[in-house]
PDB file of N, CA and C in Angstrom:
ATOM      1  N   MET A   1      12.850  -1.517  -5.211  1.00  0.00           N
ATOM      2  CA  MET A   1      11.591  -2.375  -4.976  1.00  0.00           C
ATOM      3  C   MET A   1      10.536  -1.830  -5.888  1.00  0.00           C
ATOM      4  N   LYS A   2       9.863  -2.626  -6.551  1.00  0.00           N
ATOM      5  CA  LYS A   2       8.784  -2.281  -7.446  1.00  0.00           C
ATOM      6  C   LYS A   2       7.540  -1.816  -6.746  1.00  0.00           C
ATOM      7  N   VAL A   3       6.723  -1.027  -7.403  1.00  0.00           N
ATOM      8  CA  VAL A   3       5.550  -0.441  -6.803  1.00  0.00           C
ATOM      9  C   VAL A   3       4.626  -1.675  -6.321  1.00  0.00           C
ATOM     10  N   ASP A   4       4.483  -2.615  -7.218  1.00  0.00           N
ATOM     11  CA  ASP A   4       3.475  -3.781  -6.914  1.00  0.00           C
ATOM     12  C   ASP A   4       3.923  -4.512  -5.600  1.00  0.00           C
ATOM     13  N   SER A   5       5.191  -4.680  -5.475  1.00  0.00           N
ATOM     14  CA  SER A   5       5.794  -5.476  -4.311  1.00  0.00           C
ATOM     15  C   SER A   5       5.646  -4.588  -3.031  1.00  0.00           C
ATOM     16  N   PHE A   6       5.765  -3.247  -3.212  1.00  0.00           N
ATOM     17  CA  PHE A   6       5.544  -2.416  -1.969  1.00  0.00           C
ATOM     18  C   PHE A   6       4.103  -2.349  -1.553  1.00  0.00           C
ATOM     19  N   ILE A   7       3.104  -2.376  -2.577  1.00  0.00           N
ATOM     20  CA  ILE A   7       1.841  -2.277  -2.162  1.00  0.00           C
ATOM     21  C   ILE A   7       1.396  -3.678  -1.388  1.00  0.00           C
ATOM     22  N   ARG A   8       1.890  -4.809  -1.817  1.00  0.00           N
ATOM     23  CA  ARG A   8       1.615  -6.008  -1.170  1.00  0.00           C
ATOM     24  C   ARG A   8       2.093  -6.081   0.200  1.00  0.00           C
ATOM     25  N   VAL A   9       3.307  -5.569   0.400  1.00  0.00           N
ATOM     26  CA  VAL A   9       3.987  -5.452   1.774  1.00  0.00           C
ATOM     27  C   VAL A   9       3.220  -4.483   2.669  1.00  0.00           C
ATOM     28  N   PHE A  10       2.836  -3.250   2.044  1.00  0.00           N
ATOM     29  CA  PHE A  10       2.068  -2.297   2.865  1.00  0.00           C
ATOM     30  C   PHE A  10       0.681  -2.885   3.272  1.00  0.00           C
ATOM     31  N   ALA A  11      -0.135  -3.535   2.256  1.00  0.00           N
ATOM     32  CA  ALA A  11      -1.372  -4.136   2.659  1.00  0.00           C
ATOM     33  C   ALA A  11      -1.235  -5.298   3.683  1.00  0.00           C
ATOM     34  N   GLY A  12      -0.218  -6.077   3.505  1.00  0.00           N
ATOM     35  CA  GLY A  12      -0.021  -7.099   4.508  1.00  0.00           C
ATOM     36  C   GLY A  12       0.283  -6.552   5.862  1.00  0.00           C
ATOM     37  N   THR A  13       1.153  -5.568   5.911  1.00  0.00           N
ATOM     38  CA  THR A  13       1.418  -4.894   7.181  1.00  0.00           C
ATOM     39  C   THR A  13       0.021  -4.179   7.845  1.00  0.00           C
ATOM     40  N   MET A  14      -0.700  -3.594   7.025  1.00  0.00           N
ATOM     41  CA  MET A  14      -1.911  -3.018   7.582  1.00  0.00           C
ATOM     42  C   MET A  14      -2.798  -3.917   8.014  1.00  0.00           C
ATOM     43  N   VAL A  15      -2.913  -5.165   7.487  1.00  0.00           N
ATOM     44  CA  VAL A  15      -3.798  -6.393   7.848  1.00  0.00           C
ATOM     45  C   VAL A  15      -3.294  -6.860   9.236  1.00  0.00           C
ATOM     46  N   LEU A  16      -1.955  -6.999   9.440  1.00  0.00           N
ATOM     47  CA  LEU A  16      -1.418  -7.401  10.686  1.00  0.00           C
ATOM     48  C   LEU A  16      -1.639  -6.314  11.712  1.00  0.00           C
ATOM     49  N   VAL A  17      -1.531  -5.170  11.365  1.00  0.00           N
ATOM     50  CA  VAL A  17      -1.789  -4.107  12.432  1.00  0.00           C
ATOM     51  C   VAL A  17      -3.267  -4.078  12.890  1.00  0.00           C
ATOM     52  N   SER A  18      -4.200  -4.273  11.856  1.00  0.00           N
ATOM     53  CA  SER A  18      -5.572  -4.271  12.223  1.00  0.00           C
ATOM     54  C   SER A  18      -5.980  -5.615  13.155  1.00  0.00           C
ATOM     55  N   VAL A  19      -5.360  -6.666  12.802  1.00  0.00           N
ATOM     56  CA  VAL A  19      -5.563  -7.875  13.649  1.00  0.00           C
ATOM     57  C   VAL A  19      -5.135  -7.674  15.121  1.00  0.00           C
ATOM     58  N   ALA A  20      -3.905  -6.955  15.267  1.00  0.00           N
ATOM     59  CA  ALA A  20      -3.442  -6.663  16.600  1.00  0.00           C
ATOM     60  C   ALA A  20      -4.412  -5.715  17.287  1.00  0.00           C
ATOM     61  N   LEU A  21      -4.894  -4.798  16.502  1.00  0.00           N
ATOM     62  CA  LEU A  21      -5.854  -3.832  17.106  1.00  0.00           C
ATOM     63  C   LEU A  21      -7.194  -4.471  17.564  1.00  0.00           C
ATOM     64  N   VAL A  22      -7.646  -5.327  16.687  1.00  0.00           N
ATOM     65  CA  VAL A  22      -8.756  -6.215  17.139  1.00  0.00           C
ATOM     66  C   VAL A  22      -8.535  -7.040  18.389  1.00  0.00           C
ATOM     67  N   PHE A  23      -7.370  -7.545  18.542  1.00  0.00           N
ATOM     68  CA  PHE A  23      -6.988  -8.422  19.697  1.00  0.00           C
ATOM     69  C   PHE A  23      -6.896  -7.553  20.908  1.00  0.00           C
ATOM     70  N   TRP A  24      -6.232  -6.426  20.843  1.00  0.00           N
ATOM     71  CA  TRP A  24      -5.818  -5.604  22.031  1.00  0.00           C
ATOM     72  C   TRP A  24      -6.786  -4.477  22.304  1.00  0.00           C
ATOM     73  N   VAL A  25      -7.465  -4.057  21.280  1.00  0.00           N
ATOM     74  CA  VAL A  25      -8.217  -2.699  21.584  1.00  0.00           C
ATOM     75  C   VAL A  25      -9.805  -2.933  21.461  1.00  0.00           C
ATOM     76  N   SER A  26     -10.199  -3.330  20.228  1.00  0.00           N
ATOM     77  CA  SER A  26     -11.729  -3.437  20.019  1.00  0.00           C
ATOM     78  C   SER A  26     -12.089  -4.314  18.804  1.00  0.00           C
ATOM     79  N   PRO A  27     -13.095  -5.087  18.894  1.00  0.00           N
ATOM     80  CA  PRO A  27     -13.475  -5.797  17.724  1.00  0.00           C
ATOM     81  C   PRO A  27     -13.987  -4.857  16.490  1.00  0.00           C
ATOM     82  N   TRP A  28     -14.136  -3.700  16.785  1.00  0.00           N
ATOM     83  CA  TRP A  28     -14.609  -2.721  15.778  1.00  0.00           C
ATOM     84  C   TRP A  28     -13.441  -2.549  14.721  1.00  0.00           C
ATOM     85  N   TRP A  29     -12.296  -2.752  15.104  1.00  0.00           N
ATOM     86  CA  TRP A  29     -11.135  -2.693  14.157  1.00  0.00           C
ATOM     87  C   TRP A  29     -11.202  -3.647  13.049  1.00  0.00           C
ATOM     88  N   LEU A  30     -12.202  -4.713  13.080  1.00  0.00           N
ATOM     89  CA  LEU A  30     -12.452  -5.478  11.874  1.00  0.00           C
ATOM     90  C   LEU A  30     -12.855  -4.790  10.720  1.00  0.00           C
ATOM     91  N   LEU A  31     -13.524  -3.688  10.992  1.00  0.00           N
ATOM     92  CA  LEU A  31     -13.980  -2.687   9.844  1.00  0.00           C
ATOM     93  C   LEU A  31     -12.774  -2.276   9.015  1.00  0.00           C
ATOM     94  N   PHE A  32     -11.675  -2.002   9.750  1.00  0.00           N
ATOM     95  CA  PHE A  32     -10.438  -1.534   9.065  1.00  0.00           C
ATOM     96  C   PHE A  32      -9.915  -2.712   8.114  1.00  0.00           C
ATOM     97  N   THR A  33     -10.041  -3.926   8.753  1.00  0.00           N
ATOM     98  CA  THR A  33      -9.515  -5.089   7.882  1.00  0.00           C
ATOM     99  C   THR A  33     -10.428  -5.266   6.625  1.00  0.00           C
ATOM    100  N   CYS A  34     -11.711  -5.025   6.807  1.00  0.00           N
ATOM    101  CA  CYS A  34     -12.638  -5.185   5.657  1.00  0.00           C
ATOM    102  C   CYS A  34     -12.371  -4.097   4.626  1.00  0.00           C
ATOM    103  N   PHE A  35     -12.090  -2.911   5.053  1.00  0.00           N
ATOM    104  CA  PHE A  35     -11.695  -1.766   4.202  1.00  0.00           C
ATOM    105  C   PHE A  35     -10.481  -2.116   3.407  1.00  0.00           C
ATOM    106  N   ILE A  36      -9.522  -2.688   4.011  1.00  0.00           N
ATOM    107  CA  ILE A  36      -8.269  -3.097   3.211  1.00  0.00           C
ATOM    108  C   ILE A  36      -8.510  -4.160   2.347  1.00  0.00           C
ATOM    109  N   GLY A  37      -9.353  -5.101   2.641  1.00  0.00           N
ATOM    110  CA  GLY A  37      -9.662  -6.229   1.673  1.00  0.00           C
ATOM    111  C   GLY A  37     -10.458  -5.711   0.530  1.00  0.00           C
ATOM    112  N   LEU A  38     -11.362  -4.820   0.777  1.00  0.00           N
ATOM    113  CA  LEU A  38     -12.194  -4.175  -0.232  1.00  0.00           C
ATOM    114  C   LEU A  38     -11.362  -3.345  -1.219  1.00  0.00           C
ATOM    115  N   ASN A  39     -10.382  -2.601  -0.608  1.00  0.00           N
ATOM    116  CA  ASN A  39      -9.505  -1.878  -1.433  1.00  0.00           C
ATOM    117  C   ASN A  39      -8.651  -2.646  -2.297  1.00  0.00           C
ATOM    118  N   LEU A  40      -8.150  -3.784  -1.778  1.00  0.00           N
ATOM    119  CA  LEU A  40      -7.336  -4.530  -2.569  1.00  0.00           C
ATOM    120  C   LEU A  40      -8.040  -5.249  -3.722  1.00  0.00           C
ATOM    121  N   ALA A  41      -9.356  -5.687  -3.415  1.00  0.00           N
ATOM    122  CA  ALA A  41     -10.159  -6.215  -4.519  1.00  0.00           C
ATOM    123  C   ALA A  41     -10.542  -5.270  -5.624  1.00  0.00           C
ATOM    124  N   GLN A  42     -10.891  -3.961  -5.213  1.00  0.00           N
ATOM    125  CA  GLN A  42     -11.251  -2.996  -6.239  1.00  0.00           C
ATOM    126  C   GLN A  42      -9.945  -2.578  -6.996  1.00  0.00           C
ATOM    127  N   SER A  43      -8.764  -2.549  -6.258  1.00  0.00           N
ATOM    128  CA  SER A  43      -7.523  -2.311  -7.089  1.00  0.00           C
ATOM    129  C   SER A  43      -7.146  -3.412  -8.063  1.00  0.00           C
ATOM    130  N   GLY A  44      -7.439  -4.602  -7.620  1.00  0.00           N
ATOM    131  CA  GLY A  44      -7.128  -5.676  -8.660  1.00  0.00           C
ATOM    132  C   GLY A  44      -8.101  -5.657  -9.869  1.00  0.00           C
ATOM    133  N   LEU A  45      -9.338  -5.284  -9.554  1.00  0.00           N
ATOM    134  CA  LEU A  45     -10.316  -5.229 -10.745  1.00  0.00           C
ATOM    135  C   LEU A  45     -10.214  -3.933 -11.586  1.00  0.00           C
ATOM    136  N   THR A  46      -9.939  -2.867 -10.947  1.00  0.00           N
ATOM    137  CA  THR A  46      -9.876  -1.603 -11.717  1.00  0.00           C
ATOM    138  C   THR A  46      -8.505  -0.992 -12.048  1.00  0.00           C
ATOM    139  N   GLY A  47      -7.492  -1.489 -11.290  1.00  0.00           N
ATOM    140  CA  GLY A  47      -6.167  -0.900 -11.539  1.00  0.00           C
ATOM    141  C   GLY A  47      -5.925   0.506 -10.811  1.00  0.00           C
ATOM    142  N   PHE A  48      -6.932   0.997 -10.032  1.00  0.00           N
ATOM    143  CA  PHE A  48      -6.888   2.227  -9.365  1.00  0.00           C
ATOM    144  C   PHE A  48      -6.342   1.858  -7.926  1.00  0.00           C
ATOM    145  N   CYS A  49      -5.203   2.498  -7.645  1.00  0.00           N
ATOM    146  CA  CYS A  49      -4.470   2.176  -6.332  1.00  0.00           C
ATOM    147  C   CYS A  49      -4.006   3.418  -5.658  1.00  0.00           C
ATOM    148  N   PRO A  50      -4.812   3.930  -4.651  1.00  0.00           N
ATOM    149  CA  PRO A  50      -4.354   5.247  -4.160  1.00  0.00           C
ATOM    150  C   PRO A  50      -2.852   5.296  -3.570  1.00  0.00           C
ATOM    151  N   PRO A  51      -2.230   4.289  -2.866  1.00  0.00           N
ATOM    152  CA  PRO A  51      -0.944   4.432  -2.429  1.00  0.00           C
ATOM    153  C   PRO A  51       0.052   4.654  -3.517  1.00  0.00           C
ATOM    154  N   SER A  52      -0.142   3.937  -4.780  1.00  0.00           N
ATOM    155  CA  SER A  52       0.813   4.109  -5.907  1.00  0.00           C
ATOM    156  C   SER A  52       0.718   5.539  -6.420  1.00  0.00           C
ATOM    157  N   ILE A  53      -0.496   6.182  -6.416  1.00  0.00           N
ATOM    158  CA  ILE A  53      -0.691   7.529  -6.941  1.00  0.00           C
ATOM    159  C   ILE A  53       0.034   8.447  -5.968  1.00  0.00           C
ATOM    160  N   VAL A  54      -0.094   8.231  -4.713  1.00  0.00           N
ATOM    161  CA  VAL A  54       0.652   9.135  -3.781  1.00  0.00           C
ATOM    162  C   VAL A  54       2.122   9.056  -3.963  1.00  0.00           C
ATOM    163  N   LEU A  55       2.668   7.788  -4.143  1.00  0.00           N
ATOM    164  CA  LEU A  55       4.107   7.658  -4.307  1.00  0.00           C
ATOM    165  C   LEU A  55       4.516   8.493  -5.678  1.00  0.00           C
ATOM    166  N   ARG A  56       3.764   8.375  -6.650  1.00  0.00           N
ATOM    167  CA  ARG A  56       4.053   8.979  -7.863  1.00  0.00           C
ATOM    168  C   ARG A  56       4.057  10.489  -7.711  1.00  0.00           C
ATOM    169  N   LYS A  57       2.994  11.006  -7.040  1.00  0.00           N
ATOM    170  CA  LYS A  57       3.039  12.463  -6.709  1.00  0.00           C
ATOM    171  C   LYS A  57       4.153  12.978  -5.913  1.00  0.00           C
ATOM    172  N   LEU A  58       4.665  12.091  -5.040  1.00  0.00           N
ATOM    173  CA  LEU A  58       5.861  12.493  -4.234  1.00  0.00           C
ATOM    174  C   LEU A  58       7.091  12.434  -4.983  1.00  0.00           C
ATOM    175  N   GLY A  59       7.021  11.827  -6.092  1.00  0.00           N
ATOM    176  CA  GLY A  59       8.214  11.753  -6.976  1.00  0.00           C
ATOM    177  C   GLY A  59       9.159  10.579  -6.566  1.00  0.00           C
ATOM    178  N   LYS A  60       8.633   9.671  -5.915  1.00  0.00           N
ATOM    179  CA  LYS A  60       9.417   8.470  -5.451  1.00  0.00           C
ATOM    180  C   LYS A  60       9.558   7.312  -6.343  1.00  0.00           C
ATOM    181  N   VAL A  61       8.696   7.291  -7.499  1.00  0.00           N
ATOM    182  CA  VAL A  61       8.681   6.337  -8.540  1.00  0.00           C
ATOM    183  C   VAL A  61       9.238   6.783  -9.776  1.00  0.00           C
ATOM    184  N   ASP A  62      10.098   5.943 -10.361  1.00  0.00           N
ATOM    185  CA  ASP A  62      10.584   6.352 -11.771  1.00  0.00           C
ATOM    186  C   ASP A  62       9.728   5.798 -12.870  1.00  0.00           C
ATOM    187  N   GLU A  63      10.216   5.884 -14.110  1.00  0.00           N
ATOM    188  CA  GLU A  63       9.342   5.539 -15.183  1.00  0.00           C
ATOM    189  C   GLU A  63       9.315   4.049 -15.399  1.00  0.00           C
ATOM    190  N   ASN A  64      10.187   3.303 -14.652  1.00  0.00           N
ATOM    191  CA  ASN A  64      10.127   1.820 -14.631  1.00  0.00           C
ATOM    192  C   ASN A  64       9.403   1.267 -13.391  1.00  0.00           C
ATOM    193  N   ASP A  65       8.633   2.054 -12.745  1.00  0.00           N
ATOM    194  CA  ASP A  65       7.865   1.647 -11.487  1.00  0.00           C
ATOM    195  C   ASP A  65       8.689   1.151 -10.529  1.00  0.00           C
ATOM    196  N   VAL A  66       9.919   1.639 -10.308  1.00  0.00           N
ATOM    197  CA  VAL A  66      10.874   1.290  -9.200  1.00  0.00           C
ATOM    198  C   VAL A  66      10.809   2.455  -8.203  1.00  0.00           C
ATOM    199  N   ILE A  67      10.655   2.058  -6.917  1.00  0.00           N
ATOM    200  CA  ILE A  67      10.613   3.115  -5.960  1.00  0.00           C
ATOM    201  C   ILE A  67      11.997   3.493  -5.335  1.00  0.00           C
ATOM    202  N   HIS A  68      12.290   4.795  -5.400  1.00  0.00           N
ATOM    203  CA  HIS A  68      13.600   5.286  -4.833  1.00  0.00           C
ATOM    204  C   HIS A  68      13.417   6.003  -3.495  1.00  0.00           C
ATOM    205  N   TRP A  69      13.801   5.517  -2.388  1.00  0.00           N
ATOM    206  CA  TRP A  69      13.447   6.080  -1.110  1.00  0.00           C
ATOM    207  C   TRP A  69      14.430   7.142  -0.806  1.00  0.00           C
ATOM    208  N   GLY A  70      15.793   7.026  -1.006  1.00  0.00           N
ATOM    209  CA  GLY A  70      16.766   7.982  -0.524  1.00  0.00           C
ATOM    210  C   GLY A  70      17.232   8.818  -1.650  1.00  0.00           C
ATOM    211  N   GLY A  71      16.970  10.082  -1.573  1.00  0.00           N
ATOM    212  CA  GLY A  71      17.542  10.955  -2.602  1.00  0.00           C
ATOM    213  C   GLY A  71      16.983  10.999  -4.099  1.00  0.00           C
ATOM    214  N   VAL A  72      17.689  11.349  -5.032  1.00  0.00           N
ATOM    215  CA  VAL A  72      17.333  11.646  -6.301  1.00  0.00           C
ATOM    216  C   VAL A  72      17.350  10.210  -7.104  1.00  0.00           C
ATOM    217  N   PRO A  73      16.381   9.859  -7.855  1.00  0.00           N
ATOM    218  CA  PRO A  73      16.502   8.645  -8.634  1.00  0.00           C
ATOM    219  C   PRO A  73      17.540   8.694  -9.662  1.00  0.00           C
ATOM    220  N   PRO A  74      18.283   7.508  -9.956  1.00  0.00           N
ATOM    221  CA  PRO A  74      19.362   7.668 -10.987  1.00  0.00           C
ATOM    222  C   PRO A  74      18.878   8.049 -12.312  1.00  0.00           C
ATOM    223  N   ARG A  75      19.640   8.749 -13.181  1.00  0.00           N
ATOM    224  CA  ARG A  75      19.269   9.082 -14.491  1.00  0.00           C
ATOM    225  C   ARG A  75      19.638   7.917 -15.461  1.00  0.00           C
ATOM    226  N   SER A  76      18.801   7.593 -16.358  1.00  0.00           N
ATOM    227  CA  SER A  76      19.189   6.543 -17.448  1.00  0.00           C
ATOM    228  C   SER A  76      19.856   7.179 -18.571  1.00  0.00           C
TER     229      SER A  76
END
């Protein structure tokens, strides 16, 4: 899975979680939804994306921007 695809899946999942929290817990969770939207907008405009930085620091992303979850990435 490419990093860009993962970020879209992760952001979509967080939006769905925040909607569920608004429905079952408190309307204040809409602030979390707004935070996600603002982070997506700034990421699109600036290219700065904290989750991709974390994945790279953990060593899960190779030079082709492919995420390797289990074990050592294959050598080219």
